[in-house]
Structures are given as structure tokens and as C-alpha cells.
Amino acid sequence: MSEGFASFREFYPFYLSEHQNRTCRRLHFVGSSAALGFIVLAIKDAVAWWLLASLISGYAFAWVGHFFYEKNRPATFKYPFYSFLGDWVMYKDILIGRIPY
């Protein structure tokens, strides 16, 4: 699927290594939470523009975290599918306490 990694299971440790900075992880979490909120609004209000807000909020917060705190290039540029999936797995891992918030 993504060159360099045979599976998501193989990719996820790399993804986590790109998110060692706590502020970066927090920005990912906030952006993903906002994205979920906008998706709920899109469904509730039947307004597709909220879906655009969802994408913008999710990526904007994450990219600020990478460029200003983590000081690396977001993995989404090279591994878009795995990175999208990785963000939601990391979100779940933060929620359940497996990764510190």
C-alpha cells in the first residue's frame, strides 16, 4: 500500500517516532477532536461545508505541531493513507491512556 512499509502494523511505530513531542501530540488530538465535532455538525445540520472545516482543522493543528514543535515534516506527505489511519489509532491510544496526553 505505502512504499517502504509492508503493513500498517509495521508503519505505526515509525508514525509514533514522528510524534515524540507532547505538544505535537496534543495538537493532533485537539485537531482530531475538532474534526469529529465538525463531522457531527455536518450530519446534524446537513451542511457539507462542515466537512471541509473538519479536514482543515484536523490537518492545520497537526501541521502546526510538526513544523513548530516536532520540527519534522508530516508523514502524511509521504504516507497519506497510513498517516490518516495512524492519527486515529494514536487518538484512540491517547484516549485510553496508552500514550501520554
PDB file of N, CA and C in Angstrom:
ATOM      1  N   MET A   1       0.816  -1.193   0.000  1.00  0.00           N
ATOM      2  CA  MET A   1       0.000   0.000   0.000  1.00  0.00           C
ATOM      3  C   MET A   1       0.863   1.261   0.000  1.00  0.00           C
ATOM      4  N   SER A   2       1.712   1.415   0.997  1.00  0.00           N
ATOM      5  CA  SER A   2       2.617   2.549   1.054  1.00  0.00           C
ATOM      6  C   SER A   2       4.032   2.024   0.917  1.00  0.00           C
ATOM      7  N   GLU A   3       4.791   2.612   0.014  1.00  0.00           N
ATOM      8  CA  GLU A   3       6.152   2.135  -0.214  1.00  0.00           C
ATOM      9  C   GLU A   3       6.982   2.247   1.061  1.00  0.00           C
ATOM     10  N   GLY A   4       7.798   1.233   1.300  1.00  0.00           N
ATOM     11  CA  GLY A   4       8.649   1.240   2.471  1.00  0.00           C
ATOM     12  C   GLY A   4       8.073   0.508   3.666  1.00  0.00           C
ATOM     13  N   PHE A   5       6.788   0.302   3.714  1.00  0.00           N
ATOM     14  CA  PHE A   5       6.147  -0.409   4.824  1.00  0.00           C
ATOM     15  C   PHE A   5       5.220  -1.465   4.246  1.00  0.00           C
ATOM     16  N   ALA A   6       5.371  -2.675   4.739  1.00  0.00           N
ATOM     17  CA  ALA A   6       4.565  -3.783   4.225  1.00  0.00           C
ATOM     18  C   ALA A   6       3.151  -3.786   4.795  1.00  0.00           C
ATOM     19  N   SER A   7       2.962  -3.113   5.946  1.00  0.00           N
ATOM     20  CA  SER A   7       1.652  -3.115   6.588  1.00  0.00           C
ATOM     21  C   SER A   7       1.551  -1.912   7.517  1.00  0.00           C
ATOM     22  N   PHE A   8       0.331  -1.635   7.945  1.00  0.00           N
ATOM     23  CA  PHE A   8       0.142  -0.558   8.916  1.00  0.00           C
ATOM     24  C   PHE A   8       0.810  -0.919  10.238  1.00  0.00           C
ATOM     25  N   ARG A   9       0.759  -2.163  10.608  1.00  0.00           N
ATOM     26  CA  ARG A   9       1.408  -2.625  11.849  1.00  0.00           C
ATOM     27  C   ARG A   9       2.901  -2.295  11.826  1.00  0.00           C
ATOM     28  N   GLU A  10       3.502  -2.398  10.694  1.00  0.00           N
ATOM     29  CA  GLU A  10       4.912  -2.052  10.529  1.00  0.00           C
ATOM     30  C   GLU A  10       5.105  -0.519  10.535  1.00  0.00           C
ATOM     31  N   PHE A  11       4.154   0.206   9.984  1.00  0.00           N
ATOM     32  CA  PHE A  11       4.237   1.661   9.881  1.00  0.00           C
ATOM     33  C   PHE A  11       4.028   2.382  11.215  1.00  0.00           C
ATOM     34  N   TYR A  12       3.129   1.867  12.053  1.00  0.00           N
ATOM     35  CA  TYR A  12       2.712   2.606  13.245  1.00  0.00           C
ATOM     36  C   TYR A  12       3.865   2.961  14.192  1.00  0.00           C
ATOM     37  N   PRO A  13       4.831   2.077  14.456  1.00  0.00           N
ATOM     38  CA  PRO A  13       5.963   2.503  15.298  1.00  0.00           C
ATOM     39  C   PRO A  13       6.730   3.690  14.687  1.00  0.00           C
ATOM     40  N   PHE A  14       6.878   3.698  13.368  1.00  0.00           N
ATOM     41  CA  PHE A  14       7.508   4.843  12.706  1.00  0.00           C
ATOM     42  C   PHE A  14       6.658   6.089  12.932  1.00  0.00           C
ATOM     43  N   TYR A  15       5.354   5.952  12.774  1.00  0.00           N
ATOM     44  CA  TYR A  15       4.445   7.083  12.969  1.00  0.00           C
ATOM     45  C   TYR A  15       4.601   7.659  14.375  1.00  0.00           C
ATOM     46  N   LEU A  16       4.641   6.798  15.371  1.00  0.00           N
ATOM     47  CA  LEU A  16       4.796   7.261  16.749  1.00  0.00           C
ATOM     48  C   LEU A  16       6.150   7.940  16.957  1.00  0.00           C
ATOM     49  N   SER A  17       7.178   7.466  16.273  1.00  0.00           N
ATOM     50  CA  SER A  17       8.502   8.085  16.413  1.00  0.00           C
ATOM     51  C   SER A  17       8.512   9.502  15.850  1.00  0.00           C
ATOM     52  N   GLU A  18       7.581   9.801  14.973  1.00  0.00           N
ATOM     53  CA  GLU A  18       7.449  11.136  14.399  1.00  0.00           C
ATOM     54  C   GLU A  18       6.585  12.051  15.277  1.00  0.00           C
ATOM     55  N   HIS A  19       6.105  11.516  16.398  1.00  0.00           N
ATOM     56  CA  HIS A  19       5.219  12.251  17.310  1.00  0.00           C
ATOM     57  C   HIS A  19       5.712  12.140  18.750  1.00  0.00           C
ATOM     58  N   GLN A  20       6.982  12.388  18.971  1.00  0.00           N
ATOM     59  CA  GLN A  20       7.555  12.279  20.310  1.00  0.00           C
ATOM     60  C   GLN A  20       7.288  13.517  21.156  1.00  0.00           C
ATOM     61  N   ASN A  21       7.096  14.659  20.511  1.00  0.00           N
ATOM     62  CA  ASN A  21       6.858  15.904  21.229  1.00  0.00           C
ATOM     63  C   ASN A  21       5.420  15.940  21.748  1.00  0.00           C
ATOM     64  N   ARG A  22       5.284  16.167  23.037  1.00  0.00           N
ATOM     65  CA  ARG A  22       3.959  16.137  23.670  1.00  0.00           C
ATOM     66  C   ARG A  22       3.023  17.206  23.106  1.00  0.00           C
ATOM     67  N   THR A  23       3.536  18.399  22.838  1.00  0.00           N
ATOM     68  CA  THR A  23       2.694  19.468  22.281  1.00  0.00           C
ATOM     69  C   THR A  23       2.187  19.085  20.895  1.00  0.00           C
ATOM     70  N   CYS A  24       3.037  18.456  20.120  1.00  0.00           N
ATOM     71  CA  CYS A  24       2.611  17.993  18.789  1.00  0.00           C
ATOM     72  C   CYS A  24       1.464  16.989  18.924  1.00  0.00           C
ATOM     73  N   ARG A  25       1.616  16.029  19.832  1.00  0.00           N
ATOM     74  CA  ARG A  25       0.539  15.043  20.039  1.00  0.00           C
ATOM     75  C   ARG A  25      -0.737  15.723  20.514  1.00  0.00           C
ATOM     76  N   ARG A  26      -0.595  16.694  21.398  1.00  0.00           N
ATOM     77  CA  ARG A  26      -1.771  17.410  21.889  1.00  0.00           C
ATOM     78  C   ARG A  26      -2.465  18.172  20.767  1.00  0.00           C
ATOM     79  N   LEU A  27      -1.684  18.787  19.892  1.00  0.00           N
ATOM     80  CA  LEU A  27      -2.286  19.497  18.757  1.00  0.00           C
ATOM     81  C   LEU A  27      -2.993  18.527  17.818  1.00  0.00           C
ATOM     82  N   HIS A  28      -2.414  17.357  17.607  1.00  0.00           N
ATOM     83  CA  HIS A  28      -3.089  16.321  16.811  1.00  0.00           C
ATOM     84  C   HIS A  28      -4.429  15.969  17.459  1.00  0.00           C
ATOM     85  N   PHE A  29      -4.403  15.766  18.764  1.00  0.00           N
ATOM     86  CA  PHE A  29      -5.612  15.362  19.487  1.00  0.00           C
ATOM     87  C   PHE A  29      -6.691  16.437  19.401  1.00  0.00           C
ATOM     88  N   VAL A  30      -6.304  17.686  19.604  1.00  0.00           N
ATOM     89  CA  VAL A  30      -7.262  18.801  19.526  1.00  0.00           C
ATOM     90  C   VAL A  30      -7.826  18.907  18.112  1.00  0.00           C
ATOM     91  N   GLY A  31      -6.953  18.837  17.108  1.00  0.00           N
ATOM     92  CA  GLY A  31      -7.413  18.919  15.716  1.00  0.00           C
ATOM     93  C   GLY A  31      -8.349  17.784  15.345  1.00  0.00           C
ATOM     94  N   SER A  32      -8.033  16.582  15.799  1.00  0.00           N
ATOM     95  CA  SER A  32      -8.898  15.429  15.506  1.00  0.00           C
ATOM     96  C   SER A  32     -10.231  15.544  16.238  1.00  0.00           C
ATOM     97  N   SER A  33     -10.193  16.042  17.471  1.00  0.00           N
ATOM     98  CA  SER A  33     -11.444  16.240  18.219  1.00  0.00           C
ATOM     99  C   SER A  33     -12.326  17.275  17.521  1.00  0.00           C
ATOM    100  N   ALA A  34     -11.708  18.366  17.075  1.00  0.00           N
ATOM    101  CA  ALA A  34     -12.462  19.390  16.340  1.00  0.00           C
ATOM    102  C   ALA A  34     -13.028  18.801  15.047  1.00  0.00           C
ATOM    103  N   ALA A  35     -12.228  17.984  14.370  1.00  0.00           N
ATOM    104  CA  ALA A  35     -12.694  17.349  13.129  1.00  0.00           C
ATOM    105  C   ALA A  35     -13.931  16.491  13.404  1.00  0.00           C
ATOM    106  N   LEU A  36     -13.899  15.732  14.481  1.00  0.00           N
ATOM    107  CA  LEU A  36     -15.068  14.918  14.831  1.00  0.00           C
ATOM    108  C   LEU A  36     -16.283  15.799  15.109  1.00  0.00           C
ATOM    109  N   GLY A  37     -16.065  16.911  15.801  1.00  0.00           N
ATOM    110  CA  GLY A  37     -17.155  17.845  16.077  1.00  0.00           C
ATOM    111  C   GLY A  37     -17.755  18.410  14.799  1.00  0.00           C
ATOM    112  N   PHE A  38     -16.901  18.758  13.852  1.00  0.00           N
ATOM    113  CA  PHE A  38     -17.396  19.290  12.578  1.00  0.00           C
ATOM    114  C   PHE A  38     -18.148  18.228  11.774  1.00  0.00           C
ATOM    115  N   ILE A  39     -17.708  16.988  11.875  1.00  0.00           N
ATOM    116  CA  ILE A  39     -18.426  15.901  11.188  1.00  0.00           C
ATOM    117  C   ILE A  39     -19.822  15.747  11.795  1.00  0.00           C
ATOM    118  N   VAL A  40     -19.901  15.830  13.110  1.00  0.00           N
ATOM    119  CA  VAL A  40     -21.212  15.757  13.784  1.00  0.00           C
ATOM    120  C   VAL A  40     -22.097  16.910  13.314  1.00  0.00           C
ATOM    121  N   LEU A  41     -21.533  18.117  13.241  1.00  0.00           N
ATOM    122  CA  LEU A  41     -22.310  19.266  12.756  1.00  0.00           C
ATOM    123  C   LEU A  41     -22.773  19.064  11.309  1.00  0.00           C
ATOM    124  N   ALA A  42     -21.900  18.508  10.476  1.00  0.00           N
ATOM    125  CA  ALA A  42     -22.259  18.264   9.072  1.00  0.00           C
ATOM    126  C   ALA A  42     -23.464  17.339   8.977  1.00  0.00           C
ATOM    127  N   ILE A  43     -23.470  16.326   9.818  1.00  0.00           N
ATOM    128  CA  ILE A  43     -24.586  15.378   9.810  1.00  0.00           C
ATOM    129  C   ILE A  43     -25.838  16.012  10.408  1.00  0.00           C
ATOM    130  N   LYS A  44     -25.661  16.669  11.553  1.00  0.00           N
ATOM    131  CA  LYS A  44     -26.798  17.282  12.262  1.00  0.00           C
ATOM    132  C   LYS A  44     -27.473  18.367  11.431  1.00  0.00           C
ATOM    133  N   ASP A  45     -26.656  19.252  10.849  1.00  0.00           N
ATOM    134  CA  ASP A  45     -27.194  20.384  10.096  1.00  0.00           C
ATOM    135  C   ASP A  45     -27.365  20.104   8.605  1.00  0.00           C
ATOM    136  N   ALA A  46     -26.886  18.941   8.149  1.00  0.00           N
ATOM    137  CA  ALA A  46     -26.900  18.598   6.725  1.00  0.00           C
ATOM    138  C   ALA A  46     -26.225  19.693   5.896  1.00  0.00           C
ATOM    139  N   VAL A  47     -25.054  20.129   6.378  1.00  0.00           N
ATOM    140  CA  VAL A  47     -24.281  21.167   5.698  1.00  0.00           C
ATOM    141  C   VAL A  47     -22.906  20.592   5.370  1.00  0.00           C
ATOM    142  N   ALA A  48     -22.649  20.398   4.095  1.00  0.00           N
ATOM    143  CA  ALA A  48     -21.401  19.775   3.655  1.00  0.00           C
ATOM    144  C   ALA A  48     -20.172  20.627   3.958  1.00  0.00           C
ATOM    145  N   TRP A  49     -20.327  21.936   4.092  1.00  0.00           N
ATOM    146  CA  TRP A  49     -19.184  22.803   4.377  1.00  0.00           C
ATOM    147  C   TRP A  49     -18.497  22.435   5.686  1.00  0.00           C
ATOM    148  N   TRP A  50     -19.235  21.856   6.629  1.00  0.00           N
ATOM    149  CA  TRP A  50     -18.622  21.434   7.883  1.00  0.00           C
ATOM    150  C   TRP A  50     -17.588  20.337   7.636  1.00  0.00           C
ATOM    151  N   LEU A  51     -17.761  19.572   6.573  1.00  0.00           N
ATOM    152  CA  LEU A  51     -16.775  18.528   6.253  1.00  0.00           C
ATOM    153  C   LEU A  51     -15.447  19.152   5.834  1.00  0.00           C
ATOM    154  N   LEU A  52     -15.512  20.255   5.115  1.00  0.00           N
ATOM    155  CA  LEU A  52     -14.292  20.981   4.758  1.00  0.00           C
ATOM    156  C   LEU A  52     -13.622  21.514   6.027  1.00  0.00           C
ATOM    157  N   ALA A  53     -14.406  22.053   6.937  1.00  0.00           N
ATOM    158  CA  ALA A  53     -13.864  22.534   8.207  1.00  0.00           C
ATOM    159  C   ALA A  53     -13.207  21.384   8.974  1.00  0.00           C
ATOM    160  N   SER A  54     -13.782  20.208   8.870  1.00  0.00           N
ATOM    161  CA  SER A  54     -13.227  19.029   9.522  1.00  0.00           C
ATOM    162  C   SER A  54     -11.828  18.723   8.996  1.00  0.00           C
ATOM    163  N   LEU A  55     -11.686  18.700   7.697  1.00  0.00           N
ATOM    164  CA  LEU A  55     -10.373  18.438   7.087  1.00  0.00           C
ATOM    165  C   LEU A  55      -9.362  19.520   7.458  1.00  0.00           C
ATOM    166  N   ILE A  56      -9.779  20.764   7.353  1.00  0.00           N
ATOM    167  CA  ILE A  56      -8.872  21.876   7.646  1.00  0.00           C
ATOM    168  C   ILE A  56      -8.416  21.833   9.097  1.00  0.00           C
ATOM    169  N   SER A  57      -9.336  21.645  10.016  1.00  0.00           N
ATOM    170  CA  SER A  57      -8.950  21.646  11.431  1.00  0.00           C
ATOM    171  C   SER A  57      -8.026  20.472  11.750  1.00  0.00           C
ATOM    172  N   GLY A  58      -8.352  19.317  11.237  1.00  0.00           N
ATOM    173  CA  GLY A  58      -7.519  18.140  11.510  1.00  0.00           C
ATOM    174  C   GLY A  58      -6.094  18.325  11.043  1.00  0.00           C
ATOM    175  N   TYR A  59      -5.936  18.767   9.808  1.00  0.00           N
ATOM    176  CA  TYR A  59      -4.586  18.923   9.268  1.00  0.00           C
ATOM    177  C   TYR A  59      -3.881  20.170   9.782  1.00  0.00           C
ATOM    178  N   ALA A  60      -4.578  21.267   9.968  1.00  0.00           N
ATOM    179  CA  ALA A  60      -3.932  22.510  10.409  1.00  0.00           C
ATOM    180  C   ALA A  60      -3.280  22.344  11.776  1.00  0.00           C
ATOM    181  N   PHE A  61      -4.016  21.798  12.723  1.00  0.00           N
ATOM    182  CA  PHE A  61      -3.441  21.595  14.052  1.00  0.00           C
ATOM    183  C   PHE A  61      -2.239  20.651  13.995  1.00  0.00           C
ATOM    184  N   ALA A  62      -2.373  19.573  13.242  1.00  0.00           N
ATOM    185  CA  ALA A  62      -1.280  18.600  13.142  1.00  0.00           C
ATOM    186  C   ALA A  62      -0.037  19.224  12.514  1.00  0.00           C
ATOM    187  N   TRP A  63      -0.218  19.976  11.447  1.00  0.00           N
ATOM    188  CA  TRP A  63       0.930  20.554  10.759  1.00  0.00           C
ATOM    189  C   TRP A  63       1.614  21.623  11.606  1.00  0.00           C
ATOM    190  N   VAL A  64       0.860  22.388  12.362  1.00  0.00           N
ATOM    191  CA  VAL A  64       1.477  23.343  13.294  1.00  0.00           C
ATOM    192  C   VAL A  64       2.344  22.567  14.287  1.00  0.00           C
ATOM    193  N   GLY A  65       1.826  21.464  14.787  1.00  0.00           N
ATOM    194  CA  GLY A  65       2.589  20.632  15.716  1.00  0.00           C
ATOM    195  C   GLY A  65       3.886  20.133  15.123  1.00  0.00           C
ATOM    196  N   HIS A  66       3.842  19.723  13.868  1.00  0.00           N
ATOM    197  CA  HIS A  66       5.056  19.200  13.231  1.00  0.00           C
ATOM    198  C   HIS A  66       6.053  20.297  12.910  1.00  0.00           C
ATOM    199  N   PHE A  67       5.604  21.358  12.300  1.00  0.00           N
ATOM    200  CA  PHE A  67       6.530  22.393  11.846  1.00  0.00           C
ATOM    201  C   PHE A  67       7.114  23.211  12.999  1.00  0.00           C
ATOM    202  N   PHE A  68       6.351  23.469  14.053  1.00  0.00           N
ATOM    203  CA  PHE A  68       6.811  24.352  15.123  1.00  0.00           C
ATOM    204  C   PHE A  68       7.281  23.633  16.383  1.00  0.00           C
ATOM    205  N   TYR A  69       6.814  22.421  16.627  1.00  0.00           N
ATOM    206  CA  TYR A  69       7.174  21.733  17.860  1.00  0.00           C
ATOM    207  C   TYR A  69       7.991  20.474  17.609  1.00  0.00           C
ATOM    208  N   GLU A  70       7.530  19.634  16.723  1.00  0.00           N
ATOM    209  CA  GLU A  70       8.240  18.393  16.431  1.00  0.00           C
ATOM    210  C   GLU A  70       9.446  18.667  15.534  1.00  0.00           C
ATOM    211  N   LYS A  71       9.349  19.716  14.738  1.00  0.00           N
ATOM    212  CA  LYS A  71      10.412  20.131  13.808  1.00  0.00           C
ATOM    213  C   LYS A  71      10.722  19.040  12.779  1.00  0.00           C
ATOM    214  N   ASN A  72       9.657  18.440  12.260  1.00  0.00           N
ATOM    215  CA  ASN A  72       9.821  17.458  11.188  1.00  0.00           C
ATOM    216  C   ASN A  72       8.705  17.650  10.167  1.00  0.00           C
ATOM    217  N   ARG A  73       8.817  16.936   9.091  1.00  0.00           N
ATOM    218  CA  ARG A  73       7.827  17.016   8.012  1.00  0.00           C
ATOM    219  C   ARG A  73       6.735  15.983   8.285  1.00  0.00           C
ATOM    220  N   PRO A  74       5.467  16.375   8.228  1.00  0.00           N
ATOM    221  CA  PRO A  74       4.393  15.409   8.493  1.00  0.00           C
ATOM    222  C   PRO A  74       4.494  14.184   7.590  1.00  0.00           C
ATOM    223  N   ALA A  75       4.305  13.026   8.181  1.00  0.00           N
ATOM    224  CA  ALA A  75       4.371  11.765   7.427  1.00  0.00           C
ATOM    225  C   ALA A  75       3.284  11.685   6.362  1.00  0.00           C
ATOM    226  N   THR A  76       2.247  12.488   6.514  1.00  0.00           N
ATOM    227  CA  THR A  76       1.140  12.450   5.552  1.00  0.00           C
ATOM    228  C   THR A  76       1.587  12.817   4.143  1.00  0.00           C
ATOM    229  N   PHE A  77       2.677  13.568   4.022  1.00  0.00           N
ATOM    230  CA  PHE A  77       3.175  13.934   2.697  1.00  0.00           C
ATOM    231  C   PHE A  77       3.716  12.731   1.938  1.00  0.00           C
ATOM    232  N   LYS A  78       4.264  11.772   2.676  1.00  0.00           N
ATOM    233  CA  LYS A  78       4.838  10.590   2.024  1.00  0.00           C
ATOM    234  C   LYS A  78       3.942   9.357   2.136  1.00  0.00           C
ATOM    235  N   TYR A  79       3.202   9.263   3.238  1.00  0.00           N
ATOM    236  CA  TYR A  79       2.354   8.097   3.503  1.00  0.00           C
ATOM    237  C   TYR A  79       0.943   8.556   3.865  1.00  0.00           C
ATOM    238  N   PRO A  80       0.192   9.106   2.933  1.00  0.00           N
ATOM    239  CA  PRO A  80      -1.098   9.718   3.279  1.00  0.00           C
ATOM    240  C   PRO A  80      -2.110   8.760   3.912  1.00  0.00           C
ATOM    241  N   PHE A  81      -2.260   7.573   3.379  1.00  0.00           N
ATOM    242  CA  PHE A  81      -3.270   6.649   3.915  1.00  0.00           C
ATOM    243  C   PHE A  81      -2.867   6.149   5.292  1.00  0.00           C
ATOM    244  N   TYR A  82      -1.648   5.663   5.407  1.00  0.00           N
ATOM    245  CA  TYR A  82      -1.177   5.156   6.691  1.00  0.00           C
ATOM    246  C   TYR A  82      -1.150   6.259   7.749  1.00  0.00           C
ATOM    247  N   SER A  83      -0.807   7.466   7.360  1.00  0.00           N
ATOM    248  CA  SER A  83      -0.761   8.572   8.313  1.00  0.00           C
ATOM    249  C   SER A  83      -2.153   8.932   8.813  1.00  0.00           C
ATOM    250  N   PHE A  84      -3.120   8.938   7.911  1.00  0.00           N
ATOM    251  CA  PHE A  84      -4.500   9.209   8.307  1.00  0.00           C
ATOM    252  C   PHE A  84      -4.966   8.163   9.316  1.00  0.00           C
ATOM    253  N   LEU A  85      -4.691   6.909   9.002  1.00  0.00           N
ATOM    254  CA  LEU A  85      -5.055   5.819   9.901  1.00  0.00           C
ATOM    255  C   LEU A  85      -4.273   5.925  11.215  1.00  0.00           C
ATOM    256  N   GLY A  86      -2.983   6.259  11.116  1.00  0.00           N
ATOM    257  CA  GLY A  86      -2.147   6.396  12.298  1.00  0.00           C
ATOM    258  C   GLY A  86      -2.648   7.472  13.232  1.00  0.00           C
ATOM    259  N   ASP A  87      -3.145   8.565  12.674  1.00  0.00           N
ATOM    260  CA  ASP A  87      -3.658   9.645  13.506  1.00  0.00           C
ATOM    261  C   ASP A  87      -4.825   9.170  14.358  1.00  0.00           C
ATOM    262  N   TRP A  88      -5.710   8.374  13.776  1.00  0.00           N
ATOM    263  CA  TRP A  88      -6.878   7.902  14.532  1.00  0.00           C
ATOM    264  C   TRP A  88      -6.510   6.815  15.526  1.00  0.00           C
ATOM    265  N   VAL A  89      -5.519   5.989  15.200  1.00  0.00           N
ATOM    266  CA  VAL A  89      -5.064   4.988  16.170  1.00  0.00           C
ATOM    267  C   VAL A  89      -4.366   5.694  17.332  1.00  0.00           C
ATOM    268  N   MET A  90      -3.548   6.713  17.037  1.00  0.00           N
ATOM    269  CA  MET A  90      -2.897   7.478  18.093  1.00  0.00           C
ATOM    270  C   MET A  90      -3.953   8.197  18.940  1.00  0.00           C
ATOM    271  N   TYR A  91      -4.989   8.722  18.312  1.00  0.00           N
ATOM    272  CA  TYR A  91      -6.087   9.376  19.032  1.00  0.00           C
ATOM    273  C   TYR A  91      -6.697   8.403  20.040  1.00  0.00           C
ATOM    274  N   LYS A  92      -6.995   7.204  19.572  1.00  0.00           N
ATOM    275  CA  LYS A  92      -7.548   6.160  20.455  1.00  0.00           C
ATOM    276  C   LYS A  92      -6.566   5.821  21.563  1.00  0.00           C
ATOM    277  N   ASP A  93      -5.295   5.688  21.229  1.00  0.00           N
ATOM    278  CA  ASP A  93      -4.282   5.366  22.228  1.00  0.00           C
ATOM    279  C   ASP A  93      -4.139   6.459  23.288  1.00  0.00           C
ATOM    280  N   ILE A  94      -4.314   7.714  22.890  1.00  0.00           N
ATOM    281  CA  ILE A  94      -4.304   8.816  23.862  1.00  0.00           C
ATOM    282  C   ILE A  94      -5.555   8.733  24.739  1.00  0.00           C
ATOM    283  N   LEU A  95      -6.709   8.490  24.116  1.00  0.00           N
ATOM    284  CA  LEU A  95      -7.962   8.385  24.876  1.00  0.00           C
ATOM    285  C   LEU A  95      -7.917   7.314  25.954  1.00  0.00           C
ATOM    286  N   ILE A  96      -7.332   6.180  25.635  1.00  0.00           N
ATOM    287  CA  ILE A  96      -7.322   5.067  26.597  1.00  0.00           C
ATOM    288  C   ILE A  96      -6.098   5.121  27.512  1.00  0.00           C
ATOM    289  N   GLY A  97      -5.243   6.124  27.335  1.00  0.00           N
ATOM    290  CA  GLY A  97      -4.100   6.295  28.225  1.00  0.00           C
ATOM    291  C   GLY A  97      -2.854   5.531  27.848  1.00  0.00           C
ATOM    292  N   ARG A  98      -2.847   4.908  26.701  1.00  0.00           N
ATOM    293  CA  ARG A  98      -1.668   4.140  26.262  1.00  0.00           C
ATOM    294  C   ARG A  98      -0.523   5.086  25.883  1.00  0.00           C
ATOM    295  N   ILE A  99      -0.884   6.272  25.390  1.00  0.00           N
ATOM    296  CA  ILE A  99       0.096   7.296  25.035  1.00  0.00           C
ATOM    297  C   ILE A  99      -0.220   8.519  25.887  1.00  0.00           C
ATOM    298  N   PRO A 100       0.801   9.114  26.519  1.00  0.00           N
ATOM    299  CA  PRO A 100       0.527  10.297  27.367  1.00  0.00           C
ATOM    300  C   PRO A 100       0.020  11.484  26.563  1.00  0.00           C
ATOM    301  N   TYR A 101      -0.974  12.156  27.126  1.00  0.00           N
ATOM    302  CA  TYR A 101      -1.501  13.377  26.543  1.00  0.00           C
ATOM    303  C   TYR A 101      -0.673  14.512  27.085  1.00  0.00           C
TER     304      TYR A 101
END
